[in-house]
């Protein structure tokens, strides 16, 4: 039973990022992430109870979009 719980927990951890992980990857503060959420900009996030989570696939897609905009010389907004 403990093994099943560990596998499920790992799957959920792989599927979502917490603000500290996103902050570290982007090299921005957690306050910046909070500001972006308040402005509805930046990577998509969801509220799970009192916690914020970033779906990993949405975060990765957002990074790709930011890179594409940068490569085209367009203004990148968070």
PDB file of N, CA and C in Angstrom:
ATOM      1  N   UNK A   1       0.824  -1.204   0.000  1.00  0.00           N
ATOM      2  CA  UNK A   1       0.000   0.000   0.000  1.00  0.00           C
ATOM      3  C   UNK A   1       0.865   1.264   0.000  1.00  0.00           C
ATOM      4  N   UNK A   2       1.939   1.263   0.770  1.00  0.00           N
ATOM      5  CA  UNK A   2       2.822   2.428   0.823  1.00  0.00           C
ATOM      6  C   UNK A   2       3.450   2.685  -0.541  1.00  0.00           C
ATOM      7  N   UNK A   3       3.770   1.616  -1.270  1.00  0.00           N
ATOM      8  CA  UNK A   3       4.360   1.763  -2.604  1.00  0.00           C
ATOM      9  C   UNK A   3       3.365   2.424  -3.561  1.00  0.00           C
ATOM     10  N   UNK A   4       2.110   2.034  -3.501  1.00  0.00           N
ATOM     11  CA  UNK A   4       1.089   2.637  -4.362  1.00  0.00           C
ATOM     12  C   UNK A   4       0.959   4.122  -4.049  1.00  0.00           C
ATOM     13  N   UNK A   5       0.926   4.448  -2.765  1.00  0.00           N
ATOM     14  CA  UNK A   5       0.819   5.856  -2.369  1.00  0.00           C
ATOM     15  C   UNK A   5       2.028   6.643  -2.872  1.00  0.00           C
ATOM     16  N   UNK A   6       3.212   6.059  -2.792  1.00  0.00           N
ATOM     17  CA  UNK A   6       4.420   6.731  -3.260  1.00  0.00           C
ATOM     18  C   UNK A   6       4.370   6.962  -4.766  1.00  0.00           C
ATOM     19  N   UNK A   7       3.874   5.987  -5.514  1.00  0.00           N
ATOM     20  CA  UNK A   7       3.777   6.120  -6.967  1.00  0.00           C
ATOM     21  C   UNK A   7       2.777   7.210  -7.337  1.00  0.00           C
ATOM     22  N   UNK A   8       1.627   7.219  -6.685  1.00  0.00           N
ATOM     23  CA  UNK A   8       0.608   8.241  -6.958  1.00  0.00           C
ATOM     24  C   UNK A   8       1.137   9.618  -6.583  1.00  0.00           C
ATOM     25  N   UNK A   9       1.774   9.726  -5.434  1.00  0.00           N
ATOM     26  CA  UNK A   9       2.343  11.002  -4.997  1.00  0.00           C
ATOM     27  C   UNK A   9       3.363  11.498  -6.009  1.00  0.00           C
ATOM     28  N   UNK A  10       4.215  10.614  -6.479  1.00  0.00           N
ATOM     29  CA  UNK A  10       5.235  10.985  -7.460  1.00  0.00           C
ATOM     30  C   UNK A  10       4.586  11.453  -8.763  1.00  0.00           C
ATOM     31  N   UNK A  11       3.535  10.786  -9.193  1.00  0.00           N
ATOM     32  CA  UNK A  11       2.845  11.174 -10.427  1.00  0.00           C
ATOM     33  C   UNK A  11       2.277  12.583 -10.304  1.00  0.00           C
ATOM     34  N   UNK A  12       1.688  12.890  -9.171  1.00  0.00           N
ATOM     35  CA  UNK A  12       1.133  14.231  -8.949  1.00  0.00           C
ATOM     36  C   UNK A  12       2.257  15.253  -8.902  1.00  0.00           C
ATOM     37  N   UNK A  13       3.358  14.925  -8.245  1.00  0.00           N
ATOM     38  CA  UNK A  13       4.488  15.844  -8.172  1.00  0.00           C
ATOM     39  C   UNK A  13       5.062  16.113  -9.551  1.00  0.00           C
ATOM     40  N   UNK A  14       5.083  15.095 -10.413  1.00  0.00           N
ATOM     41  CA  UNK A  14       5.598  15.265 -11.766  1.00  0.00           C
ATOM     42  C   UNK A  14       4.660  16.093 -12.626  1.00  0.00           C
ATOM     43  N   UNK A  15       3.380  16.082 -12.315  1.00  0.00           N
ATOM     44  CA  UNK A  15       2.381  16.759 -13.126  1.00  0.00           C
ATOM     45  C   UNK A  15       2.287  18.254 -12.824  1.00  0.00           C
ATOM     46  N   UNK A  16       2.592  18.643 -11.601  1.00  0.00           N
ATOM     47  CA  UNK A  16       2.454  20.034 -11.178  1.00  0.00           C
ATOM     48  C   UNK A  16       3.751  20.558 -10.576  1.00  0.00           C
ATOM     49  N   UNK A  17       3.964  21.849 -10.729  1.00  0.00           N
ATOM     50  CA  UNK A  17       5.088  22.538 -10.104  1.00  0.00           C
ATOM     51  C   UNK A  17       4.540  23.461  -9.025  1.00  0.00           C
ATOM     52  N   UNK A  18       5.299  23.639  -7.973  1.00  0.00           N
ATOM     53  CA  UNK A  18       4.928  24.592  -6.930  1.00  0.00           C
ATOM     54  C   UNK A  18       5.634  25.915  -7.230  1.00  0.00           C
ATOM     55  N   UNK A  19       5.149  27.021  -6.665  1.00  0.00           N
ATOM     56  CA  UNK A  19       5.753  28.324  -6.953  1.00  0.00           C
ATOM     57  C   UNK A  19       7.270  28.372  -6.746  1.00  0.00           C
ATOM     58  N   UNK A  20       7.778  27.706  -5.738  1.00  0.00           N
ATOM     59  CA  UNK A  20       9.227  27.726  -5.504  1.00  0.00           C
ATOM     60  C   UNK A  20       9.987  27.131  -6.690  1.00  0.00           C
ATOM     61  N   UNK A  21       9.440  26.079  -7.299  1.00  0.00           N
ATOM     62  CA  UNK A  21      10.091  25.462  -8.455  1.00  0.00           C
ATOM     63  C   UNK A  21      10.056  26.392  -9.666  1.00  0.00           C
ATOM     64  N   UNK A  22       8.916  27.029  -9.900  1.00  0.00           N
ATOM     65  CA  UNK A  22       8.782  27.945 -11.031  1.00  0.00           C
ATOM     66  C   UNK A  22       9.684  29.156 -10.813  1.00  0.00           C
ATOM     67  N   UNK A  23       9.684  29.675  -9.608  1.00  0.00           N
ATOM     68  CA  UNK A  23      10.526  30.810  -9.258  1.00  0.00           C
ATOM     69  C   UNK A  23      11.995  30.494  -9.523  1.00  0.00           C
ATOM     70  N   UNK A  24      12.420  29.324  -9.119  1.00  0.00           N
ATOM     71  CA  UNK A  24      13.811  28.917  -9.311  1.00  0.00           C
ATOM     72  C   UNK A  24      14.137  28.774 -10.798  1.00  0.00           C
ATOM     73  N   UNK A  25      13.256  28.152 -11.554  1.00  0.00           N
ATOM     74  CA  UNK A  25      13.514  27.940 -12.988  1.00  0.00           C
ATOM     75  C   UNK A  25      13.576  29.255 -13.748  1.00  0.00           C
ATOM     76  N   UNK A  26      12.715  30.201 -13.385  1.00  0.00           N
ATOM     77  CA  UNK A  26      12.669  31.481 -14.092  1.00  0.00           C
ATOM     78  C   UNK A  26      13.612  32.520 -13.505  1.00  0.00           C
ATOM     79  N   UNK A  27      14.152  32.234 -12.340  1.00  0.00           N
ATOM     80  CA  UNK A  27      15.016  33.174 -11.629  1.00  0.00           C
ATOM     81  C   UNK A  27      14.289  34.487 -11.341  1.00  0.00           C
ATOM     82  N   UNK A  28      13.046  34.336 -10.883  1.00  0.00           N
ATOM     83  CA  UNK A  28      12.260  35.481 -10.428  1.00  0.00           C
ATOM     84  C   UNK A  28      11.774  35.165  -9.017  1.00  0.00           C
ATOM     85  N   UNK A  29      11.387  36.183  -8.300  1.00  0.00           N
ATOM     86  CA  UNK A  29      10.924  35.961  -6.930  1.00  0.00           C
ATOM     87  C   UNK A  29       9.518  35.364  -6.915  1.00  0.00           C
ATOM     88  N   UNK A  30       9.179  34.771  -5.796  1.00  0.00           N
ATOM     89  CA  UNK A  30       7.817  34.261  -5.629  1.00  0.00           C
ATOM     90  C   UNK A  30       6.827  35.425  -5.610  1.00  0.00           C
ATOM     91  N   UNK A  31       7.275  36.582  -5.163  1.00  0.00           N
ATOM     92  CA  UNK A  31       6.420  37.763  -5.186  1.00  0.00           C
ATOM     93  C   UNK A  31       6.109  38.164  -6.632  1.00  0.00           C
ATOM     94  N   UNK A  32       7.083  38.013  -7.517  1.00  0.00           N
ATOM     95  CA  UNK A  32       6.839  38.301  -8.931  1.00  0.00           C
ATOM     96  C   UNK A  32       5.791  37.354  -9.487  1.00  0.00           C
ATOM     97  N   UNK A  33       5.884  36.079  -9.150  1.00  0.00           N
ATOM     98  CA  UNK A  33       4.870  35.116  -9.597  1.00  0.00           C
ATOM     99  C   UNK A  33       3.492  35.511  -9.081  1.00  0.00           C
ATOM    100  N   UNK A  34       3.428  35.932  -7.835  1.00  0.00           N
ATOM    101  CA  UNK A  34       2.162  36.367  -7.247  1.00  0.00           C
ATOM    102  C   UNK A  34       1.616  37.587  -7.994  1.00  0.00           C
ATOM    103  N   UNK A  35       2.493  38.514  -8.318  1.00  0.00           N
ATOM    104  CA  UNK A  35       2.096  39.709  -9.073  1.00  0.00           C
ATOM    105  C   UNK A  35       1.554  39.311 -10.448  1.00  0.00           C
ATOM    106  N   UNK A  36       2.253  38.407 -11.120  1.00  0.00           N
ATOM    107  CA  UNK A  36       1.792  37.944 -12.431  1.00  0.00           C
ATOM    108  C   UNK A  36       0.421  37.280 -12.328  1.00  0.00           C
ATOM    109  N   UNK A  37       0.218  36.481 -11.278  1.00  0.00           N
ATOM    110  CA  UNK A  37      -1.091  35.827 -11.099  1.00  0.00           C
ATOM    111  C   UNK A  37      -2.182  36.869 -10.899  1.00  0.00           C
ATOM    112  N   UNK A  38      -1.892  37.904 -10.122  1.00  0.00           N
ATOM    113  CA  UNK A  38      -2.880  38.960  -9.865  1.00  0.00           C
ATOM    114  C   UNK A  38      -3.230  39.709 -11.148  1.00  0.00           C
ATOM    115  N   UNK A  39      -2.274  39.809 -12.062  1.00  0.00           N
ATOM    116  CA  UNK A  39      -2.489  40.501 -13.341  1.00  0.00           C
ATOM    117  C   UNK A  39      -2.937  39.543 -14.440  1.00  0.00           C
ATOM    118  N   UNK A  40      -3.061  38.275 -14.109  1.00  0.00           N
ATOM    119  CA  UNK A  40      -3.445  37.233 -15.072  1.00  0.00           C
ATOM    120  C   UNK A  40      -2.461  37.169 -16.234  1.00  0.00           C
ATOM    121  N   UNK A  41      -1.179  37.252 -15.892  1.00  0.00           N
ATOM    122  CA  UNK A  41      -0.105  37.106 -16.873  1.00  0.00           C
ATOM    123  C   UNK A  41       0.825  36.014 -16.372  1.00  0.00           C
ATOM    124  N   UNK A  42       1.870  35.740 -17.108  1.00  0.00           N
ATOM    125  CA  UNK A  42       2.805  34.700 -16.698  1.00  0.00           C
ATOM    126  C   UNK A  42       2.241  33.319 -16.958  1.00  0.00           C
ATOM    127  N   UNK A  43       2.937  32.308 -16.473  1.00  0.00           N
ATOM    128  CA  UNK A  43       2.479  30.935 -16.709  1.00  0.00           C
ATOM    129  C   UNK A  43       1.145  30.663 -16.019  1.00  0.00           C
ATOM    130  N   UNK A  44       0.333  29.827 -16.650  1.00  0.00           N
ATOM    131  CA  UNK A  44      -0.972  29.493 -16.083  1.00  0.00           C
ATOM    132  C   UNK A  44      -0.805  28.761 -14.747  1.00  0.00           C
ATOM    133  N   UNK A  45      -1.618  29.144 -13.792  1.00  0.00           N
ATOM    134  CA  UNK A  45      -1.595  28.481 -12.487  1.00  0.00           C
ATOM    135  C   UNK A  45      -3.014  28.120 -12.091  1.00  0.00           C
ATOM    136  N   UNK A  46      -3.106  27.196 -11.150  1.00  0.00           N
ATOM    137  CA  UNK A  46      -4.410  26.825 -10.609  1.00  0.00           C
ATOM    138  C   UNK A  46      -4.339  26.882  -9.093  1.00  0.00           C
ATOM    139  N   UNK A  47      -5.474  27.088  -8.494  1.00  0.00           N
ATOM    140  CA  UNK A  47      -5.595  27.108  -7.039  1.00  0.00           C
ATOM    141  C   UNK A  47      -6.099  25.742  -6.589  1.00  0.00           C
ATOM    142  N   UNK A  48      -5.370  25.114  -5.689  1.00  0.00           N
ATOM    143  CA  UNK A  48      -5.773  23.830  -5.117  1.00  0.00           C
ATOM    144  C   UNK A  48      -5.892  24.057  -3.615  1.00  0.00           C
ATOM    145  N   UNK A  49      -7.112  24.266  -3.157  1.00  0.00           N
ATOM    146  CA  UNK A  49      -7.288  24.646  -1.759  1.00  0.00           C
ATOM    147  C   UNK A  49      -6.638  26.000  -1.552  1.00  0.00           C
ATOM    148  N   UNK A  50      -5.707  26.057  -0.620  1.00  0.00           N
ATOM    149  CA  UNK A  50      -4.999  27.314  -0.376  1.00  0.00           C
ATOM    150  C   UNK A  50      -3.638  27.343  -1.070  1.00  0.00           C
ATOM    151  N   UNK A  51      -3.357  26.338  -1.887  1.00  0.00           N
ATOM    152  CA  UNK A  51      -2.064  26.231  -2.562  1.00  0.00           C
ATOM    153  C   UNK A  51      -2.171  26.587  -4.039  1.00  0.00           C
ATOM    154  N   UNK A  52      -1.089  27.107  -4.570  1.00  0.00           N
ATOM    155  CA  UNK A  52      -0.995  27.411  -5.996  1.00  0.00           C
ATOM    156  C   UNK A  52      -0.157  26.326  -6.650  1.00  0.00           C
ATOM    157  N   UNK A  53      -0.616  25.869  -7.810  1.00  0.00           N
ATOM    158  CA  UNK A  53       0.127  24.867  -8.574  1.00  0.00           C
ATOM    159  C   UNK A  53       0.184  25.313 -10.026  1.00  0.00           C
ATOM    160  N   UNK A  54       1.278  24.942 -10.683  1.00  0.00           N
ATOM    161  CA  UNK A  54       1.463  25.220 -12.095  1.00  0.00           C
ATOM    162  C   UNK A  54       1.487  23.890 -12.836  1.00  0.00           C
ATOM    163  N   UNK A  55       0.499  23.645 -13.703  1.00  0.00           N
ATOM    164  CA  UNK A  55       0.552  22.413 -14.490  1.00  0.00           C
ATOM    165  C   UNK A  55       1.845  22.409 -15.318  1.00  0.00           C
ATOM    166  N   UNK A  56       2.624  21.360 -15.168  1.00  0.00           N
ATOM    167  CA  UNK A  56       3.937  21.292 -15.813  1.00  0.00           C
ATOM    168  C   UNK A  56       3.837  21.518 -17.328  1.00  0.00           C
ATOM    169  N   UNK A  57       2.879  20.858 -17.985  1.00  0.00           N
ATOM    170  CA  UNK A  57       2.778  20.998 -19.445  1.00  0.00           C
ATOM    171  C   UNK A  57       2.426  22.432 -19.845  1.00  0.00           C
ATOM    172  N   UNK A  58       1.623  23.117 -19.049  1.00  0.00           N
ATOM    173  CA  UNK A  58       1.288  24.517 -19.339  1.00  0.00           C
ATOM    174  C   UNK A  58       2.506  25.415 -19.147  1.00  0.00           C
ATOM    175  N   UNK A  59       3.276  25.140 -18.106  1.00  0.00           N
ATOM    176  CA  UNK A  59       4.484  25.921 -17.841  1.00  0.00           C
ATOM    177  C   UNK A  59       5.480  25.759 -18.987  1.00  0.00           C
ATOM    178  N   UNK A  60       5.697  24.517 -19.419  1.00  0.00           N
ATOM    179  CA  UNK A  60       6.637  24.256 -20.512  1.00  0.00           C
ATOM    180  C   UNK A  60       6.161  24.932 -21.801  1.00  0.00           C
ATOM    181  N   UNK A  61       4.860  24.885 -22.078  1.00  0.00           N
ATOM    182  CA  UNK A  61       4.311  25.532 -23.276  1.00  0.00           C
ATOM    183  C   UNK A  61       4.489  27.049 -23.196  1.00  0.00           C
ATOM    184  N   UNK A  62       4.303  27.620 -22.017  1.00  0.00           N
ATOM    185  CA  UNK A  62       4.485  29.055 -21.825  1.00  0.00           C
ATOM    186  C   UNK A  62       5.934  29.448 -22.113  1.00  0.00           C
ATOM    187  N   UNK A  63       6.890  28.633 -21.645  1.00  0.00           N
ATOM    188  CA  UNK A  63       8.304  28.913 -21.909  1.00  0.00           C
ATOM    189  C   UNK A  63       8.589  28.912 -23.410  1.00  0.00           C
ATOM    190  N   UNK A  64       8.022  27.956 -24.122  1.00  0.00           N
ATOM    191  CA  UNK A  64       8.213  27.882 -25.574  1.00  0.00           C
ATOM    192  C   UNK A  64       7.651  29.137 -26.239  1.00  0.00           C
ATOM    193  N   UNK A  65       6.448  29.552 -25.826  1.00  0.00           N
ATOM    194  CA  UNK A  65       5.845  30.758 -26.407  1.00  0.00           C
ATOM    195  C   UNK A  65       6.710  31.992 -26.141  1.00  0.00           C
ATOM    196  N   UNK A  66       7.254  32.091 -24.939  1.00  0.00           N
ATOM    197  CA  UNK A  66       8.107  33.231 -24.610  1.00  0.00           C
ATOM    198  C   UNK A  66       9.354  33.229 -25.483  1.00  0.00           C
ATOM    199  N   UNK A  67       9.947  32.058 -25.694  1.00  0.00           N
ATOM    200  CA  UNK A  67      11.142  31.952 -26.538  1.00  0.00           C
ATOM    201  C   UNK A  67      10.820  32.326 -27.984  1.00  0.00           C
ATOM    202  N   UNK A  68       9.673  31.890 -28.483  1.00  0.00           N
ATOM    203  CA  UNK A  68       9.267  32.220 -29.855  1.00  0.00           C
ATOM    204  C   UNK A  68       9.070  33.723 -30.016  1.00  0.00           C
ATOM    205  N   UNK A  69       8.412  34.346 -29.057  1.00  0.00           N
ATOM    206  CA  UNK A  69       8.204  35.794 -29.117  1.00  0.00           C
ATOM    207  C   UNK A  69       9.531  36.539 -29.076  1.00  0.00           C
ATOM    208  N   UNK A  70      10.426  36.086 -28.233  1.00  0.00           N
ATOM    209  CA  UNK A  70      11.738  36.716 -28.120  1.00  0.00           C
ATOM    210  C   UNK A  70      12.504  36.579 -29.433  1.00  0.00           C
ATOM    211  N   UNK A  71      12.461  35.397 -30.037  1.00  0.00           N
ATOM    212  CA  UNK A  71      13.174  35.149 -31.294  1.00  0.00           C
ATOM    213  C   UNK A  71      12.646  36.034 -32.419  1.00  0.00           C
ATOM    214  N   UNK A  72      11.360  36.327 -32.394  1.00  0.00           N
ATOM    215  CA  UNK A  72      10.759  37.184 -33.423  1.00  0.00           C
ATOM    216  C   UNK A  72      10.939  38.667 -33.109  1.00  0.00           C
ATOM    217  N   UNK A  73      11.504  38.963 -31.953  1.00  0.00           N
ATOM    218  CA  UNK A  73      11.716  40.349 -31.565  1.00  0.00           C
ATOM    219  C   UNK A  73      10.469  41.036 -31.058  1.00  0.00           C
ATOM    220  N   UNK A  74       9.450  40.243 -30.735  1.00  0.00           N
ATOM    221  CA  UNK A  74       8.215  40.815 -30.211  1.00  0.00           C
ATOM    222  C   UNK A  74       8.347  41.052 -28.717  1.00  0.00           C
ATOM    223  N   UNK A  75       7.549  41.961 -28.227  1.00  0.00           N
ATOM    224  CA  UNK A  75       7.550  42.266 -26.795  1.00  0.00           C
ATOM    225  C   UNK A  75       7.033  41.065 -26.024  1.00  0.00           C
ATOM    226  N   UNK A  76       7.809  40.659 -25.061  1.00  0.00           N
ATOM    227  CA  UNK A  76       7.413  39.533 -24.217  1.00  0.00           C
ATOM    228  C   UNK A  76       6.820  40.095 -22.948  1.00  0.00           C
ATOM    229  N   UNK A  77       5.582  39.747 -22.693  1.00  0.00           N
ATOM    230  CA  UNK A  77       4.971  40.149 -21.426  1.00  0.00           C
ATOM    231  C   UNK A  77       4.803  38.907 -20.585  1.00  0.00           C
ATOM    232  N   UNK A  78       5.043  39.056 -19.314  1.00  0.00           N
ATOM    233  CA  UNK A  78       4.982  37.907 -18.415  1.00  0.00           C
ATOM    234  C   UNK A  78       3.623  37.309 -18.356  1.00  0.00           C
TER     235      UNK A  78
END
